[in-house]
């Protein structure tokens, strides 16, 4: 059984490319175009990992991550952004993100982060 990964990004090209790459790497990707849609999909499909953009309409990455933590604290998250900062990275980590990656995403680092997510799943109590 392959690992479910939810890819959340308002940019259709980025979302599609990440989903295609994840599928080539053996994951089972699902996509959403913003945090609201992602919350609905996370509740129904129960992904192990979420890769989410930071800036999106309706509900951004931080708000989504916070809401996701309330209902699914075990899900591992990687935030991607084109305008990351130390403050943003610190906030993402406080909300439970494994890492914050800047766009364009370094594919080697993404693979390392995905492996970290799997190694830490399920979380230790």
PDB file of N, CA and C in Angstrom:
ATOM      1  N   UNK A   1       0.845  -1.180   0.000  1.00  0.00           N
ATOM      2  CA  UNK A   1       0.000   0.000   0.000  1.00  0.00           C
ATOM      3  C   UNK A   1       0.886   1.237   0.000  1.00  0.00           C
ATOM      4  N   UNK A   2       0.622   2.178  -0.898  1.00  0.00           N
ATOM      5  CA  UNK A   2       1.444   3.379  -0.974  1.00  0.00           C
ATOM      6  C   UNK A   2       0.940   4.444  -0.003  1.00  0.00           C
ATOM      7  N   UNK A   3       1.823   5.340   0.344  1.00  0.00           N
ATOM      8  CA  UNK A   3       1.548   6.403   1.294  1.00  0.00           C
ATOM      9  C   UNK A   3       0.741   7.509   0.640  1.00  0.00           C
ATOM     10  N   UNK A   4      -0.354   7.906   1.287  1.00  0.00           N
ATOM     11  CA  UNK A   4      -1.174   9.006   0.777  1.00  0.00           C
ATOM     12  C   UNK A   4      -0.537  10.338   1.138  1.00  0.00           C
ATOM     13  N   UNK A   5      -0.401  11.192   0.122  1.00  0.00           N
ATOM     14  CA  UNK A   5       0.151  12.529   0.307  1.00  0.00           C
ATOM     15  C   UNK A   5      -0.809  13.524  -0.326  1.00  0.00           C
ATOM     16  N   UNK A   6      -1.240  14.504   0.455  1.00  0.00           N
ATOM     17  CA  UNK A   6      -2.119  15.561  -0.034  1.00  0.00           C
ATOM     18  C   UNK A   6      -1.264  16.767  -0.413  1.00  0.00           C
ATOM     19  N   UNK A   7      -1.362  17.202  -1.670  1.00  0.00           N
ATOM     20  CA  UNK A   7      -0.614  18.355  -2.182  1.00  0.00           C
ATOM     21  C   UNK A   7      -1.591  19.525  -2.291  1.00  0.00           C
ATOM     22  N   UNK A   8      -1.271  20.619  -1.589  1.00  0.00           N
ATOM     23  CA  UNK A   8      -2.162  21.783  -1.539  1.00  0.00           C
ATOM     24  C   UNK A   8      -1.427  22.999  -2.080  1.00  0.00           C
ATOM     25  N   UNK A   9      -1.898  23.517  -3.212  1.00  0.00           N
ATOM     26  CA  UNK A   9      -1.273  24.696  -3.819  1.00  0.00           C
ATOM     27  C   UNK A   9      -2.281  25.327  -4.765  1.00  0.00           C
ATOM     28  N   UNK A  10      -2.402  26.645  -4.721  1.00  0.00           N
ATOM     29  CA  UNK A  10      -3.352  27.322  -5.602  1.00  0.00           C
ATOM     30  C   UNK A  10      -2.847  27.406  -7.038  1.00  0.00           C
ATOM     31  N   UNK A  11      -1.562  27.176  -7.248  1.00  0.00           N
ATOM     32  CA  UNK A  11      -1.008  27.173  -8.601  1.00  0.00           C
ATOM     33  C   UNK A  11      -1.156  25.768  -9.195  1.00  0.00           C
ATOM     34  N   UNK A  12      -1.994  25.661 -10.219  1.00  0.00           N
ATOM     35  CA  UNK A  12      -2.304  24.352 -10.808  1.00  0.00           C
ATOM     36  C   UNK A  12      -1.055  23.665 -11.371  1.00  0.00           C
ATOM     37  N   UNK A  13      -0.131  24.422 -11.939  1.00  0.00           N
ATOM     38  CA  UNK A  13       1.081  23.834 -12.506  1.00  0.00           C
ATOM     39  C   UNK A  13       1.947  23.213 -11.416  1.00  0.00           C
ATOM     40  N   UNK A  14       2.164  23.948 -10.342  1.00  0.00           N
ATOM     41  CA  UNK A  14       2.967  23.434  -9.228  1.00  0.00           C
ATOM     42  C   UNK A  14       2.292  22.223  -8.602  1.00  0.00           C
ATOM     43  N   UNK A  15       1.012  22.343  -8.360  1.00  0.00           N
ATOM     44  CA  UNK A  15       0.227  21.248  -7.754  1.00  0.00           C
ATOM     45  C   UNK A  15       0.316  19.984  -8.605  1.00  0.00           C
ATOM     46  N   UNK A  16       0.112  20.121  -9.899  1.00  0.00           N
ATOM     47  CA  UNK A  16       0.157  18.976 -10.800  1.00  0.00           C
ATOM     48  C   UNK A  16       1.540  18.364 -10.906  1.00  0.00           C
ATOM     49  N   UNK A  17       2.562  19.220 -10.976  1.00  0.00           N
ATOM     50  CA  UNK A  17       3.937  18.719 -11.093  1.00  0.00           C
ATOM     51  C   UNK A  17       4.340  17.954  -9.837  1.00  0.00           C
ATOM     52  N   UNK A  18       3.999  18.486  -8.654  1.00  0.00           N
ATOM     53  CA  UNK A  18       4.325  17.783  -7.414  1.00  0.00           C
ATOM     54  C   UNK A  18       3.583  16.448  -7.327  1.00  0.00           C
ATOM     55  N   UNK A  19       2.315  16.448  -7.701  1.00  0.00           N
ATOM     56  CA  UNK A  19       1.534  15.208  -7.660  1.00  0.00           C
ATOM     57  C   UNK A  19       2.127  14.163  -8.595  1.00  0.00           C
ATOM     58  N   UNK A  20       2.522  14.579  -9.786  1.00  0.00           N
ATOM     59  CA  UNK A  20       3.117  13.656 -10.756  1.00  0.00           C
ATOM     60  C   UNK A  20       4.444  13.107 -10.235  1.00  0.00           C
ATOM     61  N   UNK A  21       5.257  13.975  -9.669  1.00  0.00           N
ATOM     62  CA  UNK A  21       6.543  13.562  -9.110  1.00  0.00           C
ATOM     63  C   UNK A  21       6.337  12.565  -7.964  1.00  0.00           C
ATOM     64  N   UNK A  22       5.413  12.879  -7.070  1.00  0.00           N
ATOM     65  CA  UNK A  22       5.134  11.981  -5.941  1.00  0.00           C
ATOM     66  C   UNK A  22       4.683  10.609  -6.427  1.00  0.00           C
ATOM     67  N   UNK A  23       3.859  10.590  -7.456  1.00  0.00           N
ATOM     68  CA  UNK A  23       3.399   9.321  -8.009  1.00  0.00           C
ATOM     69  C   UNK A  23       4.583   8.527  -8.577  1.00  0.00           C
ATOM     70  N   UNK A  24       5.497   9.206  -9.255  1.00  0.00           N
ATOM     71  CA  UNK A  24       6.689   8.537  -9.787  1.00  0.00           C
ATOM     72  C   UNK A  24       7.551   7.979  -8.656  1.00  0.00           C
ATOM     73  N   UNK A  25       7.547   8.640  -7.505  1.00  0.00           N
ATOM     74  CA  UNK A  25       8.322   8.187  -6.352  1.00  0.00           C
ATOM     75  C   UNK A  25       7.608   7.106  -5.544  1.00  0.00           C
ATOM     76  N   UNK A  26       6.411   6.719  -5.975  1.00  0.00           N
ATOM     77  CA  UNK A  26       5.702   5.631  -5.311  1.00  0.00           C
ATOM     78  C   UNK A  26       4.668   6.044  -4.281  1.00  0.00           C
ATOM     79  N   UNK A  27       4.374   7.334  -4.197  1.00  0.00           N
ATOM     80  CA  UNK A  27       3.348   7.816  -3.270  1.00  0.00           C
ATOM     81  C   UNK A  27       1.994   7.848  -3.971  1.00  0.00           C
ATOM     82  N   UNK A  28       0.950   7.996  -3.181  1.00  0.00           N
ATOM     83  CA  UNK A  28      -0.405   8.105  -3.703  1.00  0.00           C
ATOM     84  C   UNK A  28      -0.870   9.550  -3.479  1.00  0.00           C
ATOM     85  N   UNK A  29      -0.666  10.437  -4.466  1.00  0.00           N
ATOM     86  CA  UNK A  29      -1.000  11.841  -4.261  1.00  0.00           C
ATOM     87  C   UNK A  29      -2.477  12.154  -4.494  1.00  0.00           C
ATOM     88  N   UNK A  30      -2.936  13.144  -3.756  1.00  0.00           N
ATOM     89  CA  UNK A  30      -4.243  13.749  -3.972  1.00  0.00           C
ATOM     90  C   UNK A  30      -3.979  15.247  -3.923  1.00  0.00           C
ATOM     91  N   UNK A  31      -4.791  16.042  -4.604  1.00  0.00           N
ATOM     92  CA  UNK A  31      -4.526  17.475  -4.666  1.00  0.00           C
ATOM     93  C   UNK A  31      -5.717  18.297  -4.196  1.00  0.00           C
ATOM     94  N   UNK A  32      -5.391  19.526  -3.760  1.00  0.00           N
ATOM     95  CA  UNK A  32      -6.393  20.516  -3.384  1.00  0.00           C
ATOM     96  C   UNK A  32      -5.844  21.889  -3.759  1.00  0.00           C
ATOM     97  N   UNK A  33      -6.737  22.818  -4.095  1.00  0.00           N
ATOM     98  CA  UNK A  33      -6.297  24.132  -4.560  1.00  0.00           C
ATOM     99  C   UNK A  33      -6.231  25.197  -3.472  1.00  0.00           C
ATOM    100  N   UNK A  34      -6.713  24.895  -2.276  1.00  0.00           N
ATOM    101  CA  UNK A  34      -6.594  25.829  -1.154  1.00  0.00           C
ATOM    102  C   UNK A  34      -6.840  25.090   0.158  1.00  0.00           C
ATOM    103  N   UNK A  35      -6.674  25.778   1.260  1.00  0.00           N
ATOM    104  CA  UNK A  35      -6.803  25.159   2.567  1.00  0.00           C
ATOM    105  C   UNK A  35      -8.187  24.626   2.879  1.00  0.00           C
ATOM    106  N   UNK A  36      -9.212  25.310   2.429  1.00  0.00           N
ATOM    107  CA  UNK A  36     -10.587  24.858   2.674  1.00  0.00           C
ATOM    108  C   UNK A  36     -10.832  23.500   2.008  1.00  0.00           C
ATOM    109  N   UNK A  37     -10.490  23.409   0.735  1.00  0.00           N
ATOM    110  CA  UNK A  37     -10.650  22.147   0.009  1.00  0.00           C
ATOM    111  C   UNK A  37      -9.761  21.063   0.635  1.00  0.00           C
ATOM    112  N   UNK A  38      -8.564  21.449   1.049  1.00  0.00           N
ATOM    113  CA  UNK A  38      -7.633  20.486   1.644  1.00  0.00           C
ATOM    114  C   UNK A  38      -8.167  19.919   2.957  1.00  0.00           C
ATOM    115  N   UNK A  39      -8.800  20.750   3.784  1.00  0.00           N
ATOM    116  CA  UNK A  39      -9.368  20.255   5.037  1.00  0.00           C
ATOM    117  C   UNK A  39     -10.429  19.191   4.769  1.00  0.00           C
ATOM    118  N   UNK A  40     -11.284  19.441   3.793  1.00  0.00           N
ATOM    119  CA  UNK A  40     -12.321  18.467   3.431  1.00  0.00           C
ATOM    120  C   UNK A  40     -11.681  17.157   2.961  1.00  0.00           C
ATOM    121  N   UNK A  41     -10.686  17.271   2.091  1.00  0.00           N
ATOM    122  CA  UNK A  41     -10.040  16.067   1.561  1.00  0.00           C
ATOM    123  C   UNK A  41      -9.251  15.330   2.642  1.00  0.00           C
ATOM    124  N   UNK A  42      -8.623  16.069   3.545  1.00  0.00           N
ATOM    125  CA  UNK A  42      -7.856  15.435   4.626  1.00  0.00           C
ATOM    126  C   UNK A  42      -8.783  14.631   5.536  1.00  0.00           C
ATOM    127  N   UNK A  43      -9.965  15.144   5.779  1.00  0.00           N
ATOM    128  CA  UNK A  43     -10.917  14.431   6.633  1.00  0.00           C
ATOM    129  C   UNK A  43     -11.411  13.141   5.980  1.00  0.00           C
ATOM    130  N   UNK A  44     -11.580  13.176   4.669  1.00  0.00           N
ATOM    131  CA  UNK A  44     -12.122  11.993   3.994  1.00  0.00           C
ATOM    132  C   UNK A  44     -11.047  10.989   3.567  1.00  0.00           C
ATOM    133  N   UNK A  45      -9.895  11.465   3.112  1.00  0.00           N
ATOM    134  CA  UNK A  45      -8.888  10.534   2.585  1.00  0.00           C
ATOM    135  C   UNK A  45      -7.815  10.161   3.600  1.00  0.00           C
ATOM    136  N   UNK A  46      -7.690  10.907   4.679  1.00  0.00           N
ATOM    137  CA  UNK A  46      -6.735  10.634   5.761  1.00  0.00           C
ATOM    138  C   UNK A  46      -5.301  10.409   5.262  1.00  0.00           C
ATOM    139  N   UNK A  47      -4.691  11.458   4.688  1.00  0.00           N
ATOM    140  CA  UNK A  47      -3.304  11.315   4.227  1.00  0.00           C
ATOM    141  C   UNK A  47      -2.350  11.203   5.409  1.00  0.00           C
ATOM    142  N   UNK A  48      -1.200  10.592   5.175  1.00  0.00           N
ATOM    143  CA  UNK A  48      -0.148  10.549   6.192  1.00  0.00           C
ATOM    144  C   UNK A  48       0.679  11.830   6.156  1.00  0.00           C
ATOM    145  N   UNK A  49       0.800  12.408   4.950  1.00  0.00           N
ATOM    146  CA  UNK A  49       1.642  13.582   4.747  1.00  0.00           C
ATOM    147  C   UNK A  49       0.874  14.628   3.948  1.00  0.00           C
ATOM    148  N   UNK A  50       1.083  15.900   4.295  1.00  0.00           N
ATOM    149  CA  UNK A  50       0.536  17.016   3.534  1.00  0.00           C
ATOM    150  C   UNK A  50       1.690  17.915   3.119  1.00  0.00           C
ATOM    151  N   UNK A  51       1.700  18.292   1.849  1.00  0.00           N
ATOM    152  CA  UNK A  51       2.637  19.292   1.341  1.00  0.00           C
ATOM    153  C   UNK A  51       1.767  20.487   0.960  1.00  0.00           C
ATOM    154  N   UNK A  52       1.945  21.608   1.654  1.00  0.00           N
ATOM    155  CA  UNK A  52       1.055  22.746   1.446  1.00  0.00           C
ATOM    156  C   UNK A  52       1.807  24.034   1.164  1.00  0.00           C
ATOM    157  N   UNK A  53       1.270  24.777   0.210  1.00  0.00           N
ATOM    158  CA  UNK A  53       1.752  26.125  -0.061  1.00  0.00           C
ATOM    159  C   UNK A  53       1.394  26.996   1.142  1.00  0.00           C
ATOM    160  N   UNK A  54       2.082  28.093   1.293  1.00  0.00           N
ATOM    161  CA  UNK A  54       1.827  29.003   2.402  1.00  0.00           C
ATOM    162  C   UNK A  54       0.751  30.022   2.064  1.00  0.00           C
ATOM    163  N   UNK A  55       0.855  30.623   0.891  1.00  0.00           N
ATOM    164  CA  UNK A  55      -0.074  31.689   0.491  1.00  0.00           C
ATOM    165  C   UNK A  55      -1.075  31.153  -0.529  1.00  0.00           C
ATOM    166  N   UNK A  56      -2.357  31.129  -0.096  1.00  0.00           N
ATOM    167  CA  UNK A  56      -3.440  30.650  -0.961  1.00  0.00           C
ATOM    168  C   UNK A  56      -4.699  31.443  -0.646  1.00  0.00           C
ATOM    169  N   UNK A  57      -5.623  31.513  -1.605  1.00  0.00           N
ATOM    170  CA  UNK A  57      -6.894  32.187  -1.325  1.00  0.00           C
ATOM    171  C   UNK A  57      -7.758  31.347  -0.374  1.00  0.00           C
ATOM    172  N   UNK A  58      -8.766  31.958   0.173  1.00  0.00           N
ATOM    173  CA  UNK A  58      -9.745  31.365   1.100  1.00  0.00           C
ATOM    174  C   UNK A  58      -9.118  30.938   2.417  1.00  0.00           C
ATOM    175  N   UNK A  59      -8.107  30.083   2.396  1.00  0.00           N
ATOM    176  CA  UNK A  59      -7.428  29.666   3.620  1.00  0.00           C
ATOM    177  C   UNK A  59      -5.981  29.366   3.275  1.00  0.00           C
ATOM    178  N   UNK A  60      -5.070  30.104   3.886  1.00  0.00           N
ATOM    179  CA  UNK A  60      -3.646  29.930   3.629  1.00  0.00           C
ATOM    180  C   UNK A  60      -3.065  28.734   4.369  1.00  0.00           C
ATOM    181  N   UNK A  61      -1.794  28.491   4.131  1.00  0.00           N
ATOM    182  CA  UNK A  61      -1.113  27.327   4.681  1.00  0.00           C
ATOM    183  C   UNK A  61      -1.046  27.280   6.195  1.00  0.00           C
ATOM    184  N   UNK A  62      -0.774  28.413   6.850  1.00  0.00           N
ATOM    185  CA  UNK A  62      -0.682  28.416   8.314  1.00  0.00           C
ATOM    186  C   UNK A  62      -2.039  28.163   8.950  1.00  0.00           C
ATOM    187  N   UNK A  63      -3.064  28.812   8.423  1.00  0.00           N
ATOM    188  CA  UNK A  63      -4.417  28.600   8.948  1.00  0.00           C
ATOM    189  C   UNK A  63      -4.857  27.151   8.717  1.00  0.00           C
ATOM    190  N   UNK A  64      -4.541  26.625   7.537  1.00  0.00           N
ATOM    191  CA  UNK A  64      -4.858  25.228   7.228  1.00  0.00           C
ATOM    192  C   UNK A  64      -4.131  24.287   8.177  1.00  0.00           C
ATOM    193  N   UNK A  65      -2.834  24.521   8.379  1.00  0.00           N
ATOM    194  CA  UNK A  65      -2.042  23.664   9.253  1.00  0.00           C
ATOM    195  C   UNK A  65      -2.597  23.677  10.676  1.00  0.00           C
ATOM    196  N   UNK A  66      -2.973  24.843  11.154  1.00  0.00           N
ATOM    197  CA  UNK A  66      -3.553  24.966  12.489  1.00  0.00           C
ATOM    198  C   UNK A  66      -4.866  24.189  12.592  1.00  0.00           C
ATOM    199  N   UNK A  67      -5.739  24.337  11.594  1.00  0.00           N
ATOM    200  CA  UNK A  67      -7.020  23.622  11.583  1.00  0.00           C
ATOM    201  C   UNK A  67      -6.806  22.117  11.452  1.00  0.00           C
ATOM    202  N   UNK A  68      -5.844  21.717  10.644  1.00  0.00           N
ATOM    203  CA  UNK A  68      -5.544  20.293  10.458  1.00  0.00           C
ATOM    204  C   UNK A  68      -5.073  19.672  11.765  1.00  0.00           C
ATOM    205  N   UNK A  69      -4.251  20.389  12.508  1.00  0.00           N
ATOM    206  CA  UNK A  69      -3.727  19.896  13.781  1.00  0.00           C
ATOM    207  C   UNK A  69      -4.847  19.588  14.770  1.00  0.00           C
ATOM    208  N   UNK A  70      -5.923  20.360  14.720  1.00  0.00           N
ATOM    209  CA  UNK A  70      -7.042  20.145  15.648  1.00  0.00           C
ATOM    210  C   UNK A  70      -7.703  18.786  15.412  1.00  0.00           C
ATOM    211  N   UNK A  71      -7.889  18.398  14.166  1.00  0.00           N
ATOM    212  CA  UNK A  71      -8.587  17.153  13.864  1.00  0.00           C
ATOM    213  C   UNK A  71      -7.694  15.973  13.532  1.00  0.00           C
ATOM    214  N   UNK A  72      -6.484  16.245  13.087  1.00  0.00           N
ATOM    215  CA  UNK A  72      -5.570  15.183  12.660  1.00  0.00           C
ATOM    216  C   UNK A  72      -4.148  15.504  13.098  1.00  0.00           C
ATOM    217  N   UNK A  73      -3.874  15.458  14.385  1.00  0.00           N
ATOM    218  CA  UNK A  73      -2.554  15.854  14.868  1.00  0.00           C
ATOM    219  C   UNK A  73      -1.409  14.945  14.418  1.00  0.00           C
ATOM    220  N   UNK A  74      -1.734  13.742  13.944  1.00  0.00           N
ATOM    221  CA  UNK A  74      -0.714  12.783  13.516  1.00  0.00           C
ATOM    222  C   UNK A  74      -0.194  13.031  12.106  1.00  0.00           C
ATOM    223  N   UNK A  75      -0.905  13.800  11.301  1.00  0.00           N
ATOM    224  CA  UNK A  75      -0.505  14.041   9.912  1.00  0.00           C
ATOM    225  C   UNK A  75       0.777  14.867   9.882  1.00  0.00           C
ATOM    226  N   UNK A  76       1.736  14.442   9.077  1.00  0.00           N
ATOM    227  CA  UNK A  76       3.002  15.143   8.918  1.00  0.00           C
ATOM    228  C   UNK A  76       2.861  16.180   7.811  1.00  0.00           C
ATOM    229  N   UNK A  77       3.417  17.377   8.021  1.00  0.00           N
ATOM    230  CA  UNK A  77       3.251  18.470   7.064  1.00  0.00           C
ATOM    231  C   UNK A  77       4.580  19.075   6.651  1.00  0.00           C
ATOM    232  N   UNK A  78       4.649  19.411   5.368  1.00  0.00           N
ATOM    233  CA  UNK A  78       5.772  20.146   4.803  1.00  0.00           C
ATOM    234  C   UNK A  78       5.161  21.387   4.159  1.00  0.00           C
ATOM    235  N   UNK A  79       5.660  22.561   4.527  1.00  0.00           N
ATOM    236  CA  UNK A  79       5.162  23.808   3.957  1.00  0.00           C
ATOM    237  C   UNK A  79       6.111  24.236   2.846  1.00  0.00           C
ATOM    238  N   UNK A  80       5.544  24.698   1.715  1.00  0.00           N
ATOM    239  CA  UNK A  80       6.356  25.241   0.623  1.00  0.00           C
ATOM    240  C   UNK A  80       5.922  26.687   0.387  1.00  0.00           C
ATOM    241  N   UNK A  81       6.880  27.537   0.039  1.00  0.00           N
ATOM    242  CA  UNK A  81       6.551  28.947  -0.157  1.00  0.00           C
ATOM    243  C   UNK A  81       7.587  29.629  -1.031  1.00  0.00           C
ATOM    244  N   UNK A  82       7.181  30.707  -1.640  1.00  0.00           N
ATOM    245  CA  UNK A  82       8.123  31.498  -2.430  1.00  0.00           C
ATOM    246  C   UNK A  82       8.636  32.690  -1.632  1.00  0.00           C
ATOM    247  N   UNK A  83       8.100  32.888  -0.444  1.00  0.00           N
ATOM    248  CA  UNK A  83       8.535  34.046   0.350  1.00  0.00           C
ATOM    249  C   UNK A  83       8.703  33.683   1.827  1.00  0.00           C
ATOM    250  N   UNK A  84       9.521  32.664   2.067  1.00  0.00           N
ATOM    251  CA  UNK A  84       9.742  32.210   3.435  1.00  0.00           C
ATOM    252  C   UNK A  84      10.663  33.141   4.209  1.00  0.00           C
ATOM    253  N   UNK A  85      10.500  33.111   5.509  1.00  0.00           N
ATOM    254  CA  UNK A  85      11.364  33.873   6.399  1.00  0.00           C
ATOM    255  C   UNK A  85      11.612  33.031   7.642  1.00  0.00           C
ATOM    256  N   UNK A  86      12.561  33.464   8.459  1.00  0.00           N
ATOM    257  CA  UNK A  86      12.841  32.730   9.693  1.00  0.00           C
ATOM    258  C   UNK A  86      11.616  32.713  10.593  1.00  0.00           C
ATOM    259  N   UNK A  87      10.896  33.839  10.646  1.00  0.00           N
ATOM    260  CA  UNK A  87       9.701  33.915  11.488  1.00  0.00           C
ATOM    261  C   UNK A  87       8.629  32.930  11.003  1.00  0.00           C
ATOM    262  N   UNK A  88       8.458  32.878   9.691  1.00  0.00           N
ATOM    263  CA  UNK A  88       7.471  31.974   9.112  1.00  0.00           C
ATOM    264  C   UNK A  88       7.854  30.526   9.378  1.00  0.00           C
ATOM    265  N   UNK A  89       9.127  30.214   9.199  1.00  0.00           N
ATOM    266  CA  UNK A  89       9.602  28.851   9.444  1.00  0.00           C
ATOM    267  C   UNK A  89       9.389  28.464  10.900  1.00  0.00           C
ATOM    268  N   UNK A  90       9.684  29.385  11.818  1.00  0.00           N
ATOM    269  CA  UNK A  90       9.499  29.109  13.243  1.00  0.00           C
ATOM    270  C   UNK A  90       8.026  28.884  13.565  1.00  0.00           C
ATOM    271  N   UNK A  91       7.160  29.706  12.981  1.00  0.00           N
ATOM    272  CA  UNK A  91       5.721  29.549  13.209  1.00  0.00           C
ATOM    273  C   UNK A  91       5.242  28.209  12.650  1.00  0.00           C
ATOM    274  N   UNK A  92       5.710  27.843  11.470  1.00  0.00           N
ATOM    275  CA  UNK A  92       5.316  26.562  10.865  1.00  0.00           C
ATOM    276  C   UNK A  92       5.755  25.396  11.742  1.00  0.00           C
ATOM    277  N   UNK A  93       6.944  25.469  12.279  1.00  0.00           N
ATOM    278  CA  UNK A  93       7.438  24.395  13.163  1.00  0.00           C
ATOM    279  C   UNK A  93       6.631  24.328  14.458  1.00  0.00           C
ATOM    280  N   UNK A  94       6.256  25.485  15.007  1.00  0.00           N
ATOM    281  CA  UNK A  94       5.418  25.494  16.216  1.00  0.00           C
ATOM    282  C   UNK A  94       4.079  24.808  15.950  1.00  0.00           C
ATOM    283  N   UNK A  95       3.599  24.934  14.719  1.00  0.00           N
ATOM    284  CA  UNK A  95       2.337  24.296  14.345  1.00  0.00           C
ATOM    285  C   UNK A  95       2.525  22.841  13.929  1.00  0.00           C
ATOM    286  N   UNK A  96       3.759  22.362  13.968  1.00  0.00           N
ATOM    287  CA  UNK A  96       4.020  20.957  13.703  1.00  0.00           C
ATOM    288  C   UNK A  96       4.566  20.608  12.342  1.00  0.00           C
ATOM    289  N   UNK A  97       4.924  21.605  11.537  1.00  0.00           N
ATOM    290  CA  UNK A  97       5.487  21.308  10.218  1.00  0.00           C
ATOM    291  C   UNK A  97       6.864  20.677  10.365  1.00  0.00           C
ATOM    292  N   UNK A  98       7.145  19.694   9.533  1.00  0.00           N
ATOM    293  CA  UNK A  98       8.453  19.046   9.514  1.00  0.00           C
ATOM    294  C   UNK A  98       9.500  19.999   8.956  1.00  0.00           C
ATOM    295  N   UNK A  99       9.128  20.776   7.931  1.00  0.00           N
ATOM    296  CA  UNK A  99      10.067  21.700   7.312  1.00  0.00           C
ATOM    297  C   UNK A  99       9.307  22.747   6.518  1.00  0.00           C
ATOM    298  N   UNK A 100       9.997  23.823   6.180  1.00  0.00           N
ATOM    299  CA  UNK A 100       9.499  24.848   5.284  1.00  0.00           C
ATOM    300  C   UNK A 100      10.488  24.927   4.126  1.00  0.00           C
ATOM    301  N   UNK A 101      10.020  24.618   2.922  1.00  0.00           N
ATOM    302  CA  UNK A 101      10.869  24.613   1.731  1.00  0.00           C
ATOM    303  C   UNK A 101      10.524  25.805   0.850  1.00  0.00           C
ATOM    304  N   UNK A 102      11.561  26.457   0.326  1.00  0.00           N
ATOM    305  CA  UNK A 102      11.321  27.578  -0.569  1.00  0.00           C
ATOM    306  C   UNK A 102      11.148  27.088  -2.001  1.00  0.00           C
ATOM    307  N   UNK A 103      10.266  27.782  -2.733  1.00  0.00           N
ATOM    308  CA  UNK A 103      10.068  27.506  -4.155  1.00  0.00           C
ATOM    309  C   UNK A 103      11.159  28.209  -4.937  1.00  0.00           C
ATOM    310  N   UNK A 104      11.671  27.663  -6.015  1.00  0.00           N
ATOM    311  CA  UNK A 104      11.362  26.321  -6.488  1.00  0.00           C
ATOM    312  C   UNK A 104      11.915  25.273  -5.521  1.00  0.00           C
ATOM    313  N   UNK A 105      11.135  24.240  -5.332  1.00  0.00           N
ATOM    314  CA  UNK A 105      11.444  23.222  -4.340  1.00  0.00           C
ATOM    315  C   UNK A 105      12.663  22.404  -4.756  1.00  0.00           C
ATOM    316  N   UNK A 106      13.593  22.266  -3.829  1.00  0.00           N
ATOM    317  CA  UNK A 106      14.760  21.404  -4.012  1.00  0.00           C
ATOM    318  C   UNK A 106      14.267  19.961  -3.884  1.00  0.00           C
ATOM    319  N   UNK A 107      14.270  19.207  -4.975  1.00  0.00           N
ATOM    320  CA  UNK A 107      13.680  17.869  -4.987  1.00  0.00           C
ATOM    321  C   UNK A 107      14.411  16.889  -4.076  1.00  0.00           C
ATOM    322  N   UNK A 108      15.713  17.024  -3.963  1.00  0.00           N
ATOM    323  CA  UNK A 108      16.454  16.153  -3.037  1.00  0.00           C
ATOM    324  C   UNK A 108      16.005  16.410  -1.602  1.00  0.00           C
ATOM    325  N   UNK A 109      15.890  17.679  -1.239  1.00  0.00           N
ATOM    326  CA  UNK A 109      15.458  18.024   0.121  1.00  0.00           C
ATOM    327  C   UNK A 109      14.026  17.563   0.371  1.00  0.00           C
ATOM    328  N   UNK A 110      13.165  17.668  -0.638  1.00  0.00           N
ATOM    329  CA  UNK A 110      11.796  17.188  -0.489  1.00  0.00           C
ATOM    330  C   UNK A 110      11.779  15.691  -0.210  1.00  0.00           C
ATOM    331  N   UNK A 111      12.591  14.934  -0.926  1.00  0.00           N
ATOM    332  CA  UNK A 111      12.664  13.474  -0.685  1.00  0.00           C
ATOM    333  C   UNK A 111      13.142  13.169   0.722  1.00  0.00           C
ATOM    334  N   UNK A 112      14.127  13.925   1.191  1.00  0.00           N
ATOM    335  CA  UNK A 112      14.633  13.746   2.553  1.00  0.00           C
ATOM    336  C   UNK A 112      13.523  14.047   3.562  1.00  0.00           C
ATOM    337  N   UNK A 113      12.792  15.132   3.333  1.00  0.00           N
ATOM    338  CA  UNK A 113      11.705  15.503   4.249  1.00  0.00           C
ATOM    339  C   UNK A 113      10.582  14.463   4.232  1.00  0.00           C
ATOM    340  N   UNK A 114      10.267  13.928   3.077  1.00  0.00           N
ATOM    341  CA  UNK A 114       9.243  12.883   2.993  1.00  0.00           C
ATOM    342  C   UNK A 114       9.679  11.660   3.798  1.00  0.00           C
ATOM    343  N   UNK A 115      10.954  11.316   3.693  1.00  0.00           N
ATOM    344  CA  UNK A 115      11.479  10.186   4.461  1.00  0.00           C
ATOM    345  C   UNK A 115      11.386  10.468   5.959  1.00  0.00           C
ATOM    346  N   UNK A 116      11.727  11.705   6.371  1.00  0.00           N
ATOM    347  CA  UNK A 116      11.606  12.097   7.783  1.00  0.00           C
ATOM    348  C   UNK A 116      10.164  11.950   8.258  1.00  0.00           C
ATOM    349  N   UNK A 117       9.232  12.351   7.409  1.00  0.00           N
ATOM    350  CA  UNK A 117       7.816  12.250   7.757  1.00  0.00           C
ATOM    351  C   UNK A 117       7.423  10.803   8.014  1.00  0.00           C
ATOM    352  N   UNK A 118       7.857   9.930   7.146  1.00  0.00           N
ATOM    353  CA  UNK A 118       7.519   8.515   7.297  1.00  0.00           C
ATOM    354  C   UNK A 118       8.182   7.896   8.513  1.00  0.00           C
ATOM    355  N   UNK A 119       9.421   8.296   8.775  1.00  0.00           N
ATOM    356  CA  UNK A 119      10.141   7.744   9.934  1.00  0.00           C
ATOM    357  C   UNK A 119       9.520   8.167  11.259  1.00  0.00           C
ATOM    358  N   UNK A 120       8.870   9.313  11.279  1.00  0.00           N
ATOM    359  CA  UNK A 120       8.287   9.826  12.518  1.00  0.00           C
ATOM    360  C   UNK A 120       6.787   9.537  12.607  1.00  0.00           C
ATOM    361  N   UNK A 121       6.263   8.701  11.725  1.00  0.00           N
ATOM    362  CA  UNK A 121       4.841   8.380  11.718  1.00  0.00           C
ATOM    363  C   UNK A 121       4.636   6.957  12.186  1.00  0.00           C
ATOM    364  N   UNK A 122       3.744   6.641  13.090  1.00  0.00           N
ATOM    365  CA  UNK A 122       2.967   7.605  13.878  1.00  0.00           C
ATOM    366  C   UNK A 122       3.829   8.224  14.947  1.00  0.00           C
ATOM    367  N   UNK A 123       3.430   9.397  15.421  1.00  0.00           N
ATOM    368  CA  UNK A 123       4.241  10.097  16.422  1.00  0.00           C
ATOM    369  C   UNK A 123       4.302   9.315  17.736  1.00  0.00           C
ATOM    370  N   UNK A 124       5.386   9.502  18.429  1.00  0.00           N
ATOM    371  CA  UNK A 124       5.531   8.884  19.745  1.00  0.00           C
ATOM    372  C   UNK A 124       4.773   9.716  20.762  1.00  0.00           C
ATOM    373  N   UNK A 125       4.077   9.051  21.669  1.00  0.00           N
ATOM    374  CA  UNK A 125       3.291   9.778  22.679  1.00  0.00           C
ATOM    375  C   UNK A 125       4.168  10.298  23.789  1.00  0.00           C
TER     376      UNK A 125
END
